[in-house]
Amino acid sequence: MRKLKVYLDTSVISYLDQQDSPERTKETQKLWKDFIDGKYEVYLSQITLNEVGKCEEPKRDICMIMEKPIISPYFTVEDIHKIREYNYELTKNMTIEEKLAYYNSAGGEAEQEIQRRRALKRKVAVNA
């Protein structure tokens, strides 16, 4: 079954920890658990990410974990930085065993992505 796609803006994220609105905070935290559990396909704009990046924990860290980095087709130094930051935020509270399992799993996914991009590059070169 396809997941419902949800676009979040900064106002939704701000209610994760809003002292003056405990009811909305409670509702948002419940919804956030659904996001983390993978019940929805969550999207954030770069503007939202920039705004949330200025926030304090837990808002900033939770968003960093949820948003996979968008990598350019040219794989730049900035892309490497995005990947490192994403992986740091995702694994900083993991045990050594959890980190090993995560990176071993991610390594297979990375290899598949490399093969896909190589095939795309060959296709573009042939059509040029």
C-alpha atoms as a PDB file:
ATOM      1  CA  MET A   1       0.000   0.000   0.000  1.00  0.00           C
ATOM      2  CA  ARG A   2       1.270   3.465  -0.886  1.00  0.00           C
ATOM      3  CA  LYS A   3       2.076   5.862   1.918  1.00  0.00           C
ATOM      4  CA  LEU A   4       0.337   9.193   2.154  1.00  0.00           C
ATOM      5  CA  LYS A   5       2.751  12.009   1.273  1.00  0.00           C
ATOM      6  CA  VAL A   6       2.928  14.809   3.826  1.00  0.00           C
ATOM      7  CA  TYR A   7       4.602  18.182   3.343  1.00  0.00           C
ATOM      8  CA  LEU A   8       5.666  19.876   6.581  1.00  0.00           C
ATOM      9  CA  ASP A   9       6.373  23.519   7.082  1.00  0.00           C
ATOM     10  CA  THR A  10       8.113  25.140  10.027  1.00  0.00           C
ATOM     11  CA  SER A  11       4.913  25.825  11.958  1.00  0.00           C
ATOM     12  CA  VAL A  12       4.150  22.107  12.303  1.00  0.00           C
ATOM     13  CA  ILE A  13       7.668  21.380  13.492  1.00  0.00           C
ATOM     14  CA  SER A  14       7.546  24.241  16.003  1.00  0.00           C
ATOM     15  CA  TYR A  15       4.741  22.485  17.881  1.00  0.00           C
ATOM     16  CA  LEU A  16       7.009  19.567  18.791  1.00  0.00           C
ATOM     17  CA  ASP A  17       8.020  21.537  21.854  1.00  0.00           C
ATOM     18  CA  GLN A  18       5.752  24.551  22.284  1.00  0.00           C
ATOM     19  CA  GLN A  19       5.489  25.517  25.950  1.00  0.00           C
ATOM     20  CA  ASP A  20       2.457  27.789  25.529  1.00  0.00           C
ATOM     21  CA  SER A  21       0.371  25.211  23.632  1.00  0.00           C
ATOM     22  CA  PRO A  22       0.563  21.822  25.383  1.00  0.00           C
ATOM     23  CA  GLU A  23      -2.447  20.356  23.544  1.00  0.00           C
ATOM     24  CA  ARG A  24      -0.967  21.064  20.100  1.00  0.00           C
ATOM     25  CA  THR A  25       2.399  19.803  21.293  1.00  0.00           C
ATOM     26  CA  LYS A  26       0.816  16.532  22.397  1.00  0.00           C
ATOM     27  CA  GLU A  27      -0.978  16.121  19.034  1.00  0.00           C
ATOM     28  CA  THR A  28       2.174  16.977  17.085  1.00  0.00           C
ATOM     29  CA  GLN A  29       4.297  14.538  19.079  1.00  0.00           C
ATOM     30  CA  LYS A  30       1.752  11.789  18.375  1.00  0.00           C
ATOM     31  CA  LEU A  31       1.861  12.623  14.657  1.00  0.00           C
ATOM     32  CA  TRP A  32       5.670  12.777  14.793  1.00  0.00           C
ATOM     33  CA  LYS A  33       5.799   9.234  16.140  1.00  0.00           C
ATOM     34  CA  ASP A  34       3.801   8.148  13.073  1.00  0.00           C
ATOM     35  CA  PHE A  35       6.345   9.933  10.857  1.00  0.00           C
ATOM     36  CA  ILE A  36       9.266   8.192  12.543  1.00  0.00           C
ATOM     37  CA  ASP A  37       7.457   4.839  12.356  1.00  0.00           C
ATOM     38  CA  GLY A  38       7.280   5.324   8.572  1.00  0.00           C
ATOM     39  CA  LYS A  39       3.511   5.613   8.266  1.00  0.00           C
ATOM     40  CA  TYR A  40       3.863   8.648   5.986  1.00  0.00           C
ATOM     41  CA  GLU A  41       6.261   9.815   3.312  1.00  0.00           C
ATOM     42  CA  VAL A  42       7.434  13.138   4.760  1.00  0.00           C
ATOM     43  CA  TYR A  43       8.753  16.056   2.725  1.00  0.00           C
ATOM     44  CA  LEU A  44      10.389  19.272   3.880  1.00  0.00           C
ATOM     45  CA  SER A  45      11.503  22.170   1.733  1.00  0.00           C
ATOM     46  CA  GLN A  46      15.050  23.484   1.851  1.00  0.00           C
ATOM     47  CA  ILE A  47      13.681  26.717   3.346  1.00  0.00           C
ATOM     48  CA  THR A  48      12.037  24.738   6.151  1.00  0.00           C
ATOM     49  CA  LEU A  49      15.240  22.794   6.754  1.00  0.00           C
ATOM     50  CA  ASN A  50      17.214  26.043   6.924  1.00  0.00           C
ATOM     51  CA  GLU A  51      14.766  27.480   9.463  1.00  0.00           C
ATOM     52  CA  VAL A  52      14.723  24.317  11.565  1.00  0.00           C
ATOM     53  CA  GLY A  53      18.509  24.160  11.439  1.00  0.00           C
ATOM     54  CA  LYS A  54      18.511  27.315  13.560  1.00  0.00           C
ATOM     55  CA  CYS A  55      16.308  25.683  16.214  1.00  0.00           C
ATOM     56  CA  GLU A  56      17.423  24.019  19.409  1.00  0.00           C
ATOM     57  CA  GLU A  57      17.089  20.311  20.084  1.00  0.00           C
ATOM     58  CA  PRO A  58      14.878  18.280  19.810  1.00  0.00           C
ATOM     59  CA  LYS A  59      13.369  20.009  16.767  1.00  0.00           C
ATOM     60  CA  ARG A  60      16.613  20.348  14.833  1.00  0.00           C
ATOM     61  CA  ASP A  61      17.867  16.830  15.463  1.00  0.00           C
ATOM     62  CA  ILE A  62      14.569  15.131  14.699  1.00  0.00           C
ATOM     63  CA  CYS A  63      14.310  16.876  11.347  1.00  0.00           C
ATOM     64  CA  MET A  64      17.884  16.032  10.461  1.00  0.00           C
ATOM     65  CA  ILE A  65      17.099  12.364  11.045  1.00  0.00           C
ATOM     66  CA  MET A  66      13.901  12.439   9.012  1.00  0.00           C
ATOM     67  CA  GLU A  67      15.152  14.271   5.972  1.00  0.00           C
ATOM     68  CA  LYS A  68      17.479  12.223   3.802  1.00  0.00           C
ATOM     69  CA  PRO A  69      19.939  14.437   1.985  1.00  0.00           C
ATOM     70  CA  ILE A  70      19.233  15.313  -1.632  1.00  0.00           C
ATOM     71  CA  ILE A  71      22.347  14.544  -3.651  1.00  0.00           C
ATOM     72  CA  SER A  72      23.152  16.351  -6.866  1.00  0.00           C
ATOM     73  CA  PRO A  73      23.780  14.335 -10.029  1.00  0.00           C
ATOM     74  CA  TYR A  74      27.369  15.621 -10.007  1.00  0.00           C
ATOM     75  CA  PHE A  75      28.137  14.416  -6.433  1.00  0.00           C
ATOM     76  CA  THR A  76      29.874  17.489  -5.063  1.00  0.00           C
ATOM     77  CA  VAL A  77      31.808  18.197  -1.875  1.00  0.00           C
ATOM     78  CA  GLU A  78      28.597  19.694  -0.494  1.00  0.00           C
ATOM     79  CA  ASP A  79      26.887  16.346  -1.105  1.00  0.00           C
ATOM     80  CA  ILE A  80      29.552  14.575   0.933  1.00  0.00           C
ATOM     81  CA  HIS A  81      29.001  17.073   3.739  1.00  0.00           C
ATOM     82  CA  LYS A  82      25.222  16.458   3.639  1.00  0.00           C
ATOM     83  CA  ILE A  83      25.706  12.701   3.821  1.00  0.00           C
ATOM     84  CA  ARG A  84      28.173  12.929   6.702  1.00  0.00           C
ATOM     85  CA  GLU A  85      25.916  15.282   8.665  1.00  0.00           C
ATOM     86  CA  TYR A  86      22.872  13.087   8.045  1.00  0.00           C
ATOM     87  CA  ASN A  87      24.692   9.939   9.160  1.00  0.00           C
ATOM     88  CA  TYR A  88      26.127  11.643  12.219  1.00  0.00           C
ATOM     89  CA  GLU A  89      22.685  12.804  13.378  1.00  0.00           C
ATOM     90  CA  LEU A  90      21.194   9.400  12.674  1.00  0.00           C
ATOM     91  CA  THR A  91      23.874   7.392  14.491  1.00  0.00           C
ATOM     92  CA  LYS A  92      25.138   9.634  17.286  1.00  0.00           C
ATOM     93  CA  ASN A  93      23.117   7.832  19.971  1.00  0.00           C
ATOM     94  CA  MET A  94      23.611   4.302  18.610  1.00  0.00           C
ATOM     95  CA  THR A  95      25.734   1.594  20.179  1.00  0.00           C
ATOM     96  CA  ILE A  96      28.736   0.275  18.243  1.00  0.00           C
ATOM     97  CA  GLU A  97      26.722  -2.809  17.231  1.00  0.00           C
ATOM     98  CA  GLU A  98      23.832  -0.678  15.969  1.00  0.00           C
ATOM     99  CA  LYS A  99      26.220   1.524  13.995  1.00  0.00           C
ATOM    100  CA  LEU A 100      27.845  -1.520  12.377  1.00  0.00           C
ATOM    101  CA  ALA A 101      24.457  -2.911  11.366  1.00  0.00           C
ATOM    102  CA  TYR A 102      23.359   0.466  10.021  1.00  0.00           C
ATOM    103  CA  TYR A 103      26.480   1.078   7.950  1.00  0.00           C
ATOM    104  CA  ASN A 104      26.587  -2.474   6.603  1.00  0.00           C
ATOM    105  CA  SER A 105      22.978  -2.138   5.450  1.00  0.00           C
ATOM    106  CA  ALA A 106      23.538   1.343   4.028  1.00  0.00           C
ATOM    107  CA  GLY A 107      26.626   0.153   2.158  1.00  0.00           C
ATOM    108  CA  GLY A 108      24.536  -2.213   0.043  1.00  0.00           C
ATOM    109  CA  GLU A 109      22.057   0.548  -0.715  1.00  0.00           C
ATOM    110  CA  ALA A 110      24.907   2.889  -1.665  1.00  0.00           C
ATOM    111  CA  GLU A 111      26.340   0.312  -4.066  1.00  0.00           C
ATOM    112  CA  GLN A 112      22.968  -0.010  -5.780  1.00  0.00           C
ATOM    113  CA  GLU A 113      22.703   3.773  -6.086  1.00  0.00           C
ATOM    114  CA  ILE A 114      26.208   3.964  -7.581  1.00  0.00           C
ATOM    115  CA  GLN A 115      25.279   1.356 -10.195  1.00  0.00           C
ATOM    116  CA  ARG A 116      22.049   3.200 -11.000  1.00  0.00           C
ATOM    117  CA  ARG A 117      23.890   6.509 -11.461  1.00  0.00           C
ATOM    118  CA  ARG A 118      26.565   4.895 -13.634  1.00  0.00           C
ATOM    119  CA  ALA A 119      23.883   3.420 -15.886  1.00  0.00           C
ATOM    120  CA  LEU A 120      22.179   6.836 -16.091  1.00  0.00           C
ATOM    121  CA  LYS A 121      25.478   8.510 -16.945  1.00  0.00           C
ATOM    122  CA  ARG A 122      26.121   5.968 -19.729  1.00  0.00           C
ATOM    123  CA  LYS A 123      22.611   6.521 -21.073  1.00  0.00           C
ATOM    124  CA  VAL A 124      23.101  10.300 -21.126  1.00  0.00           C
ATOM    125  CA  ALA A 125      26.479   9.919 -22.867  1.00  0.00           C
ATOM    126  CA  VAL A 126      24.973   7.676 -25.561  1.00  0.00           C
ATOM    127  CA  ASN A 127      22.121  10.114 -26.202  1.00  0.00           C
ATOM    128  CA  ALA A 128      24.439  13.147 -26.375  1.00  0.00           C
END
